Amino acid sequence: MHQAEIAAAQAYVRLLAAARAALADPADPPHHMPLLTSPMEEADDALRGAGLAGNEARLFRLVRELRPSLSGSDR
């Protein structure tokens, strides 16, 4: 895994965490949606830079290497 791939996988993990946090409060989710703009842009840029845009299978393999707990195997 090279540095651009690591950065892309980490950006995806940050986006996932931000989305979970924004959507955790079901009372008023539309007001939290703008908070996702920056993490989405970061993830998109990192995915393009690593050549992973459109290659979700490779991205998810990298994410599982970095964060095995996100694979769902611990549930």
C-alpha atoms as a PDB file:
ATOM      1  CA  MET A   1       0.000   0.000   0.000  1.00  0.00           C
ATOM      2  CA  HIS A   2       1.541   3.301  -1.014  1.00  0.00           C
ATOM      3  CA  GLN A   3       1.074   6.666   0.697  1.00  0.00           C
ATOM      4  CA  ALA A   4      -1.677   7.942  -1.629  1.00  0.00           C
ATOM      5  CA  GLU A   5      -3.681   4.771  -1.026  1.00  0.00           C
ATOM      6  CA  ILE A   6      -3.235   5.081   2.734  1.00  0.00           C
ATOM      7  CA  ALA A   7      -4.369   8.714   2.575  1.00  0.00           C
ATOM      8  CA  ALA A   8      -7.433   7.746   0.529  1.00  0.00           C
ATOM      9  CA  ALA A   9      -8.408   4.964   2.916  1.00  0.00           C
ATOM     10  CA  GLN A  10      -7.930   7.270   5.907  1.00  0.00           C
ATOM     11  CA  ALA A  11     -10.023   9.990   4.237  1.00  0.00           C
ATOM     12  CA  TYR A  12     -12.790   7.454   3.656  1.00  0.00           C
ATOM     13  CA  VAL A  13     -12.662   6.394   7.314  1.00  0.00           C
ATOM     14  CA  ARG A  14     -12.894  10.049   8.399  1.00  0.00           C
ATOM     15  CA  LEU A  15     -15.858  10.575   6.051  1.00  0.00           C
ATOM     16  CA  LEU A  16     -17.562   7.516   7.475  1.00  0.00           C
ATOM     17  CA  ALA A  17     -17.038   8.785  11.034  1.00  0.00           C
ATOM     18  CA  ALA A  18     -18.339  12.244  10.105  1.00  0.00           C
ATOM     19  CA  ALA A  19     -21.409  10.777   8.408  1.00  0.00           C
ATOM     20  CA  ARG A  20     -22.159   8.584  11.407  1.00  0.00           C
ATOM     21  CA  ALA A  21     -21.826  11.556  13.752  1.00  0.00           C
ATOM     22  CA  ALA A  22     -23.975  13.815  11.562  1.00  0.00           C
ATOM     23  CA  LEU A  23     -26.696  11.215  11.215  1.00  0.00           C
ATOM     24  CA  ALA A  24     -26.618  10.056  14.840  1.00  0.00           C
ATOM     25  CA  ASP A  25     -29.082  12.759  15.877  1.00  0.00           C
ATOM     26  CA  PRO A  26     -32.314  11.841  14.104  1.00  0.00           C
ATOM     27  CA  ALA A  27     -34.050  14.940  15.459  1.00  0.00           C
ATOM     28  CA  ASP A  28     -32.551  17.347  12.927  1.00  0.00           C
ATOM     29  CA  PRO A  29     -30.235  15.660  10.385  1.00  0.00           C
ATOM     30  CA  PRO A  30     -30.666  18.194   7.534  1.00  0.00           C
ATOM     31  CA  HIS A  31     -28.870  20.859   9.547  1.00  0.00           C
ATOM     32  CA  HIS A  32     -25.872  18.588  10.020  1.00  0.00           C
ATOM     33  CA  MET A  33     -25.461  17.692   6.348  1.00  0.00           C
ATOM     34  CA  PRO A  34     -23.247  20.714   5.490  1.00  0.00           C
ATOM     35  CA  LEU A  35     -20.716  19.314   7.961  1.00  0.00           C
ATOM     36  CA  LEU A  36     -20.121  16.455   5.521  1.00  0.00           C
ATOM     37  CA  THR A  37     -19.040  18.702   2.637  1.00  0.00           C
ATOM     38  CA  SER A  38     -15.404  18.971   3.684  1.00  0.00           C
ATOM     39  CA  PRO A  39     -14.879  15.255   4.468  1.00  0.00           C
ATOM     40  CA  MET A  40     -16.580  14.309   1.168  1.00  0.00           C
ATOM     41  CA  GLU A  41     -14.315  16.644  -0.803  1.00  0.00           C
ATOM     42  CA  GLU A  42     -11.253  15.322   1.011  1.00  0.00           C
ATOM     43  CA  ALA A  43     -12.232  11.718   0.307  1.00  0.00           C
ATOM     44  CA  ASP A  44     -13.040  12.424  -3.358  1.00  0.00           C
ATOM     45  CA  ASP A  45      -9.708  14.187  -3.897  1.00  0.00           C
ATOM     46  CA  ALA A  46      -7.761  11.451  -2.117  1.00  0.00           C
ATOM     47  CA  LEU A  47      -9.527   8.684  -4.055  1.00  0.00           C
ATOM     48  CA  ARG A  48      -8.790  10.379  -7.382  1.00  0.00           C
ATOM     49  CA  GLY A  49      -5.180  11.029  -6.361  1.00  0.00           C
ATOM     50  CA  ALA A  50      -4.660   7.377  -5.462  1.00  0.00           C
ATOM     51  CA  GLY A  51      -6.369   6.095  -8.591  1.00  0.00           C
ATOM     52  CA  LEU A  52      -9.108   4.540  -6.484  1.00  0.00           C
ATOM     53  CA  ALA A  53     -12.082   6.544  -7.765  1.00  0.00           C
ATOM     54  CA  GLY A  54     -14.506   3.952  -9.085  1.00  0.00           C
ATOM     55  CA  ASN A  55     -12.512   1.075  -7.589  1.00  0.00           C
ATOM     56  CA  GLU A  56     -14.485   0.465  -4.430  1.00  0.00           C
ATOM     57  CA  ALA A  57     -13.323  -3.138  -4.056  1.00  0.00           C
ATOM     58  CA  ARG A  58      -9.680  -2.022  -3.792  1.00  0.00           C
ATOM     59  CA  LEU A  59     -10.604   0.859  -1.474  1.00  0.00           C
ATOM     60  CA  PHE A  60     -12.529  -1.404   0.891  1.00  0.00           C
ATOM     61  CA  ARG A  61      -9.641  -3.884   0.985  1.00  0.00           C
ATOM     62  CA  LEU A  62      -7.326  -1.032   1.981  1.00  0.00           C
ATOM     63  CA  VAL A  63      -9.770   0.200   4.618  1.00  0.00           C
ATOM     64  CA  ARG A  64     -10.017  -3.319   6.081  1.00  0.00           C
ATOM     65  CA  GLU A  65      -6.208  -3.429   6.281  1.00  0.00           C
ATOM     66  CA  LEU A  66      -6.143  -0.124   8.161  1.00  0.00           C
ATOM     67  CA  ARG A  67      -9.274  -0.634  10.268  1.00  0.00           C
ATOM     68  CA  PRO A  68     -10.298  -4.298  10.509  1.00  0.00           C
ATOM     69  CA  SER A  69     -13.110  -3.326  12.875  1.00  0.00           C
ATOM     70  CA  LEU A  70     -14.923  -1.670   9.946  1.00  0.00           C
ATOM     71  CA  SER A  71     -15.251  -4.981   8.115  1.00  0.00           C
ATOM     72  CA  GLY A  72     -18.139  -6.090  10.306  1.00  0.00           C
ATOM     73  CA  SER A  73     -16.369  -9.329  11.243  1.00  0.00           C
ATOM     74  CA  ASP A  74     -16.329  -8.287  14.897  1.00  0.00           C
ATOM     75  CA  ARG A  75     -20.136  -8.243  15.115  1.00  0.00           C
END
